[in-house]
Amino acid sequence: MTLRTGLLLSVGLAVVAILFLGTDGEATKGAEEGPRADLIVTTEWLGEHLDDPNVVVLATEGQQDFDHGHIPGAGFVPHMATIGENHGIPGPEVLAERLAEAGARDDARIVIYGDSAMELGWFYMAFASIGHGDHVSMLSGNIAAWSSEGRKVSDAAADLETGHLTPRPAPDVVVDAAWVKDRLEAPDVHVLDVRTQRERNGGYVPGSELVLWQDLFSNVDEMRFKSKDAIHALLVESGLTPGQEVVTYCAVGMRASLMYFAARYIGASSRVYLGSWNDWSRQEGYPIAGGGRN
């Protein structure tokens, strides 16, 4: 490579980064409004802010796991509380009430954690669906990661008062099969298949690209996220270009919700096809690549 070619390549990569993130590190074209830098917080950050009255910690995991040991002061939200009819999201008023009962409130930075990456992604998507995605952060690390650092774990019931969470329905979070079908060849839409290669071998949405949710983590067992730059690179390697909107799907929307969060984290506008493959494969006349119908 000549010096001139190398310089041109460096400039080109810099331009791509600016188009995605802007000169101040925030997303520009193709991005939703709201902050991105604090959508993931570290265990160190949370340890320093546990006593901050403006920070609310919520866990979503099994009740027994939570009772056995959780981050001190954390509230508990069972996964099923965020599931509605036909494996959808509960109505905005109902969902806001359930989350507020665990301590979520409008004026707090809410930090969520759990032991299932898929449930955690769904948990975030639930908040986003009622307009609170920009003040909810995921913890990089589960309770095992927290404990491994010698941090205190509690088995006491959380002393959280019921908060007030205003539902502000966000219609741009979840899409259906018709929305995806109408945009299969749209240059400004990038569809991600968040299943396994084995599942994909049975058929996939035409034009979609495979991305594994495990690749978001530097340590899957402890659910520690990779750096923002590494997650950005992962999605760029899938073919994402500046200005494109990400649409994610999996089997029933769980893994897709986690990748939806990841896309938002790097500054890309993102939506979840909640029905996912379970829905698409049953739609009469909808195209399928690489396989057959269920």
Protein backbone atom coordinates (compact mmCIF):
# COMPACT_ATOMS: atom_id res chain seq x y z
CA MET A 1 0.00 0.00 0.00
CA THR A 2 1.38 3.43 -0.96
CA LEU A 3 1.45 6.30 1.50
CA ARG A 4 -1.17 8.15 -0.57
CA THR A 5 -3.51 5.10 -0.62
CA GLY A 6 -3.11 4.65 3.12
CA LEU A 7 -3.99 8.27 3.77
CA LEU A 8 -7.05 8.07 1.56
CA LEU A 9 -8.21 4.92 3.38
CA SER A 10 -7.76 6.57 6.77
CA VAL A 11 -9.71 9.62 5.67
CA GLY A 12 -12.50 7.40 4.31
CA LEU A 13 -12.85 5.52 7.60
CA ALA A 14 -12.89 8.79 9.51
CA VAL A 15 -15.70 10.11 7.30
CA VAL A 16 -17.75 6.95 7.97
CA ALA A 17 -17.26 7.39 11.72
CA ILE A 18 -18.34 11.03 11.55
CA LEU A 19 -21.47 10.15 9.57
CA PHE A 20 -22.44 7.60 12.21
CA LEU A 21 -21.45 9.47 15.34
CA GLY A 22 -21.03 13.15 14.51
CA THR A 23 -18.10 15.29 15.56
CA ASP A 24 -19.12 15.19 19.22
CA GLY A 25 -19.47 11.40 19.37
CA GLU A 26 -23.27 11.43 19.22
CA ALA A 27 -25.36 9.94 16.44
CA THR A 28 -26.46 12.10 13.54
CA LYS A 29 -28.11 10.94 10.33
CA GLY A 30 -30.22 7.82 10.75
CA ALA A 31 -30.23 8.11 14.52
CA GLU A 32 -33.00 8.56 17.05
CA GLU A 33 -32.99 11.49 19.42
CA GLY A 34 -31.48 11.12 22.85
CA PRO A 35 -28.17 10.32 24.50
CA ARG A 36 -26.15 7.24 23.67
CA ALA A 37 -22.99 7.33 25.77
CA ASP A 38 -24.71 6.22 28.97
CA LEU A 39 -26.98 3.48 27.59
CA ILE A 40 -24.46 1.05 29.08
CA VAL A 41 -22.95 1.66 32.52
CA THR A 42 -20.17 -0.25 34.23
CA THR A 43 -20.22 -1.96 37.60
CA GLU A 44 -17.72 0.66 38.76
CA TRP A 45 -20.08 3.47 37.79
CA LEU A 46 -23.04 1.82 39.49
CA GLY A 47 -21.01 1.11 42.62
CA GLU A 48 -20.30 4.83 42.87
CA HIS A 49 -23.96 5.77 42.34
CA LEU A 50 -25.84 3.22 44.44
CA ASP A 51 -26.73 5.89 47.00
CA ASP A 52 -27.69 8.46 44.38
CA PRO A 53 -31.43 9.19 44.83
CA ASN A 54 -31.65 9.90 41.11
CA VAL A 55 -30.58 6.35 40.19
CA VAL A 56 -33.01 3.41 40.37
CA VAL A 57 -31.73 -0.14 39.89
CA LEU A 58 -34.12 -2.80 38.58
CA ALA A 59 -33.45 -6.50 38.11
CA THR A 60 -35.31 -8.87 35.83
CA GLU A 61 -34.60 -12.52 36.59
CA GLY A 62 -36.14 -15.44 38.44
CA GLN A 63 -37.69 -14.62 41.80
CA GLN A 64 -35.57 -17.24 43.57
CA ASP A 65 -32.39 -15.90 42.00
CA PHE A 66 -33.29 -12.39 43.05
CA ASP A 67 -34.13 -13.48 46.60
CA HIS A 68 -30.85 -15.39 46.84
CA GLY A 69 -28.83 -12.28 46.18
CA HIS A 70 -29.14 -9.01 44.28
CA ILE A 71 -27.55 -5.60 44.01
CA PRO A 72 -28.43 -3.69 47.21
CA GLY A 73 -31.50 -1.54 46.79
CA ALA A 74 -32.55 -3.09 43.48
CA GLY A 75 -36.21 -3.49 42.65
CA PHE A 76 -37.53 -6.65 41.01
CA VAL A 77 -39.53 -6.93 37.79
CA PRO A 78 -40.41 -10.47 36.67
CA HIS A 79 -39.96 -11.00 32.96
CA MET A 80 -43.59 -12.02 32.53
CA ALA A 81 -44.68 -8.60 33.81
CA THR A 82 -43.38 -7.15 30.52
CA ILE A 83 -45.07 -9.77 28.33
CA GLY A 84 -48.54 -9.11 26.94
CA GLU A 85 -51.01 -11.15 24.91
CA ASN A 86 -49.64 -13.22 22.03
CA HIS A 87 -46.10 -12.63 23.27
CA GLY A 88 -46.36 -8.91 22.70
CA ILE A 89 -45.85 -5.90 24.96
CA PRO A 90 -48.57 -4.95 27.45
CA GLY A 91 -50.55 -1.79 26.83
CA PRO A 92 -48.68 1.43 27.71
CA GLU A 93 -50.73 2.25 30.82
CA VAL A 94 -50.48 -1.29 32.17
CA LEU A 95 -46.77 -1.56 31.47
CA ALA A 96 -45.97 1.83 33.00
CA GLU A 97 -47.89 0.89 36.14
CA ARG A 98 -46.07 -2.43 36.51
CA LEU A 99 -42.67 -0.81 36.10
CA ALA A 100 -43.56 2.02 38.47
CA GLU A 101 -44.59 -0.50 41.12
CA ALA A 102 -40.96 -1.70 41.15
CA GLY A 103 -39.69 1.87 41.64
CA ALA A 104 -39.27 3.18 38.08
CA ARG A 105 -40.01 6.88 37.80
CA ASP A 106 -39.81 9.71 35.29
CA ASP A 107 -37.09 11.70 37.04
CA ALA A 108 -34.55 8.89 37.59
CA ARG A 109 -31.77 7.26 35.63
CA ILE A 110 -32.90 3.62 35.59
CA VAL A 111 -30.23 0.92 35.47
CA ILE A 112 -31.39 -2.57 34.55
CA TYR A 113 -29.60 -5.89 34.92
CA GLY A 114 -30.33 -9.62 34.94
CA ASP A 115 -28.98 -13.07 34.14
CA SER A 116 -30.60 -13.51 30.72
CA ALA A 117 -29.33 -11.29 27.91
CA MET A 118 -32.52 -11.88 25.93
CA GLU A 119 -34.81 -10.96 28.82
CA LEU A 120 -32.69 -7.90 29.50
CA GLY A 121 -33.04 -6.79 25.89
CA TRP A 122 -36.81 -7.24 26.11
CA PHE A 123 -36.82 -5.28 29.39
CA TYR A 124 -35.11 -2.36 27.70
CA MET A 125 -37.42 -2.56 24.68
CA ALA A 126 -40.42 -2.45 27.01
CA PHE A 127 -39.18 0.83 28.49
CA ALA A 128 -38.45 2.20 25.01
CA SER A 129 -41.94 1.28 23.83
CA ILE A 130 -43.42 3.71 26.35
CA GLY A 131 -40.95 6.48 25.59
CA HIS A 132 -38.34 5.93 28.30
CA GLY A 133 -35.51 4.33 26.34
CA ASP A 134 -33.25 7.36 26.65
CA HIS A 135 -33.03 7.33 30.44
CA VAL A 136 -32.65 3.58 30.90
CA SER A 137 -29.18 2.01 30.97
CA MET A 138 -28.05 -1.61 30.91
CA LEU A 139 -25.45 -2.71 33.39
CA SER A 140 -22.38 -4.25 31.77
CA GLY A 141 -22.25 -7.28 34.03
CA ASN A 142 -24.69 -9.55 35.85
CA ILE A 143 -24.82 -10.44 39.54
CA ALA A 144 -21.95 -12.90 39.07
CA ALA A 145 -19.78 -10.11 37.65
CA TRP A 146 -20.84 -7.79 40.45
CA SER A 147 -19.99 -10.39 43.11
CA SER A 148 -16.66 -11.32 41.50
CA GLU A 149 -15.47 -7.77 42.16
CA GLY A 150 -16.13 -8.12 45.87
CA ARG A 151 -19.18 -5.87 45.78
CA LYS A 152 -21.95 -6.27 48.33
CA VAL A 153 -24.92 -8.48 47.54
CA SER A 154 -28.20 -8.30 49.44
CA ASP A 155 -31.01 -10.75 50.07
CA ALA A 156 -33.21 -8.10 51.69
CA ALA A 157 -36.39 -6.89 50.04
CA ALA A 158 -35.89 -3.58 48.27
CA ASP A 159 -37.26 -0.53 50.08
CA LEU A 160 -38.42 1.24 46.95
CA GLU A 161 -41.49 3.40 46.88
CA THR A 162 -43.85 3.13 43.94
CA GLY A 163 -42.73 5.63 41.37
CA HIS A 164 -44.57 7.57 38.71
CA LEU A 165 -43.79 6.59 35.13
CA THR A 166 -45.62 8.51 32.45
CA PRO A 167 -46.44 6.35 29.42
CA ARG A 168 -45.44 8.08 26.19
CA PRO A 169 -46.15 5.43 23.53
CA ALA A 170 -43.37 5.23 20.93
CA PRO A 171 -44.82 3.80 17.70
CA ASP A 172 -41.37 3.62 16.06
CA VAL A 173 -40.02 0.83 18.31
CA VAL A 174 -42.00 -2.23 17.16
CA VAL A 175 -42.93 -3.10 13.57
CA ASP A 176 -44.96 -5.89 12.01
CA ALA A 177 -44.49 -8.23 9.06
CA ALA A 178 -46.16 -5.88 6.58
CA TRP A 179 -43.81 -3.04 7.54
CA VAL A 180 -40.78 -5.26 6.92
CA LYS A 181 -42.14 -6.69 3.67
CA ASP A 182 -42.75 -3.22 2.25
CA ARG A 183 -39.10 -2.33 2.87
CA LEU A 184 -37.24 -5.48 1.83
CA GLU A 185 -35.47 -3.63 -0.98
CA ALA A 186 -35.29 -0.22 0.67
CA PRO A 187 -31.68 1.01 0.63
CA ASP A 188 -32.15 2.86 3.92
CA VAL A 189 -33.22 -0.25 5.89
CA HIS A 190 -30.81 -2.92 7.16
CA VAL A 191 -32.43 -6.13 8.42
CA LEU A 192 -30.55 -8.22 11.00
CA ASP A 193 -31.29 -11.89 11.69
CA VAL A 194 -30.36 -12.54 15.34
CA ARG A 195 -30.76 -16.32 15.32
CA THR A 196 -28.26 -19.14 15.01
CA GLN A 197 -26.80 -20.30 11.72
CA ARG A 198 -28.72 -23.56 12.13
CA GLU A 199 -32.03 -21.69 12.44
CA ARG A 200 -31.15 -19.53 9.47
CA ASN A 201 -30.44 -22.60 7.35
CA GLY A 202 -34.17 -23.34 7.57
CA GLY A 203 -35.03 -20.04 5.90
CA TYR A 204 -34.67 -16.34 6.49
CA VAL A 205 -36.08 -12.96 5.56
CA PRO A 206 -34.63 -12.06 2.14
CA GLY A 207 -31.79 -9.56 2.36
CA SER A 208 -31.25 -10.01 6.08
CA GLU A 209 -27.78 -10.48 7.56
CA LEU A 210 -26.89 -12.85 10.38
CA VAL A 211 -25.47 -11.33 13.60
CA LEU A 212 -25.02 -13.36 16.79
CA TRP A 213 -26.11 -11.76 20.05
CA GLN A 214 -23.20 -13.44 21.87
CA ASP A 215 -20.80 -11.28 19.85
CA LEU A 216 -21.98 -8.22 21.76
CA PHE A 217 -20.17 -9.46 24.87
CA SER A 218 -16.53 -9.73 25.84
CA ASN A 219 -17.62 -12.17 28.58
CA VAL A 220 -20.95 -13.87 27.91
CA ASP A 221 -21.13 -15.68 31.27
CA GLU A 222 -20.79 -12.41 33.15
CA MET A 223 -22.68 -10.42 30.49
CA ARG A 224 -19.96 -7.81 30.12
CA PHE A 225 -20.44 -5.82 26.93
CA LYS A 226 -17.72 -5.16 24.42
CA SER A 227 -16.65 -1.57 23.86
CA LYS A 228 -18.85 0.78 21.90
CA ASP A 229 -16.31 0.78 19.07
CA ALA A 230 -16.33 -3.04 18.94
CA ILE A 231 -20.12 -3.19 18.82
CA HIS A 232 -20.13 -0.52 16.13
CA ALA A 233 -17.62 -2.56 14.13
CA LEU A 234 -19.75 -5.70 14.52
CA LEU A 235 -22.77 -4.02 12.94
CA VAL A 236 -20.71 -2.37 10.21
CA GLU A 237 -19.28 -5.79 9.34
CA SER A 238 -22.87 -6.97 8.87
CA GLY A 239 -23.24 -4.39 6.14
CA LEU A 240 -24.74 -1.47 8.06
CA THR A 241 -23.95 1.86 6.45
CA PRO A 242 -24.47 5.43 7.71
CA GLY A 243 -28.06 6.60 7.46
CA GLN A 244 -29.60 3.12 7.43
CA GLU A 245 -32.25 2.10 9.92
CA VAL A 246 -31.72 -1.25 11.63
CA VAL A 247 -34.60 -3.73 11.88
CA THR A 248 -33.99 -6.82 13.99
CA TYR A 249 -35.72 -10.18 14.17
CA CYS A 250 -35.08 -13.63 15.67
CA ALA A 251 -37.56 -16.40 16.49
CA VAL A 252 -39.99 -14.62 18.84
CA GLY A 253 -38.42 -11.19 19.41
CA MET A 254 -36.23 -11.87 22.46
CA ARG A 255 -32.77 -11.90 20.89
CA ALA A 256 -33.91 -9.26 18.42
CA SER A 257 -34.71 -6.87 21.27
CA LEU A 258 -31.13 -7.13 22.53
CA MET A 259 -29.73 -6.31 19.08
CA TYR A 260 -32.22 -3.44 18.85
CA PHE A 261 -30.63 -2.05 21.99
CA ALA A 262 -27.13 -2.53 20.56
CA ALA A 263 -28.04 -0.62 17.42
CA ARG A 264 -29.42 2.23 19.50
CA TYR A 265 -26.26 2.17 21.59
CA ILE A 266 -24.05 2.90 18.59
CA GLY A 267 -26.39 5.65 17.43
CA ALA A 268 -28.36 3.93 14.67
CA SER A 269 -32.09 4.28 14.41
CA SER A 270 -33.57 0.87 15.19
CA ARG A 271 -36.83 -1.09 15.30
CA VAL A 272 -37.83 -4.59 16.36
CA TYR A 273 -39.88 -6.92 14.22
CA LEU A 274 -41.51 -8.43 17.27
CA GLY A 275 -43.32 -11.28 15.57
CA SER A 276 -39.99 -12.33 14.06
CA TRP A 277 -39.51 -15.63 12.21
CA ASN A 278 -42.36 -17.32 14.07
CA ASP A 279 -44.67 -14.80 12.42
CA TRP A 280 -42.94 -14.26 9.06
CA SER A 281 -42.77 -17.95 8.19
CA ARG A 282 -46.55 -18.22 8.57
CA GLN A 283 -47.47 -15.25 6.40
CA GLU A 284 -49.11 -16.44 3.19
CA GLY A 285 -47.21 -15.27 0.13
CA TYR A 286 -44.32 -13.66 2.02
CA PRO A 287 -40.90 -14.38 0.48
CA ILE A 288 -38.46 -16.74 2.21
CA ALA A 289 -34.82 -17.14 1.27
CA GLY A 290 -32.75 -20.25 1.78
CA GLY A 291 -35.38 -22.62 3.16
CA GLY A 292 -39.05 -23.46 3.61
CA ARG A 293 -42.01 -22.61 5.75
CA ASN A 294 -42.86 -23.94 9.20
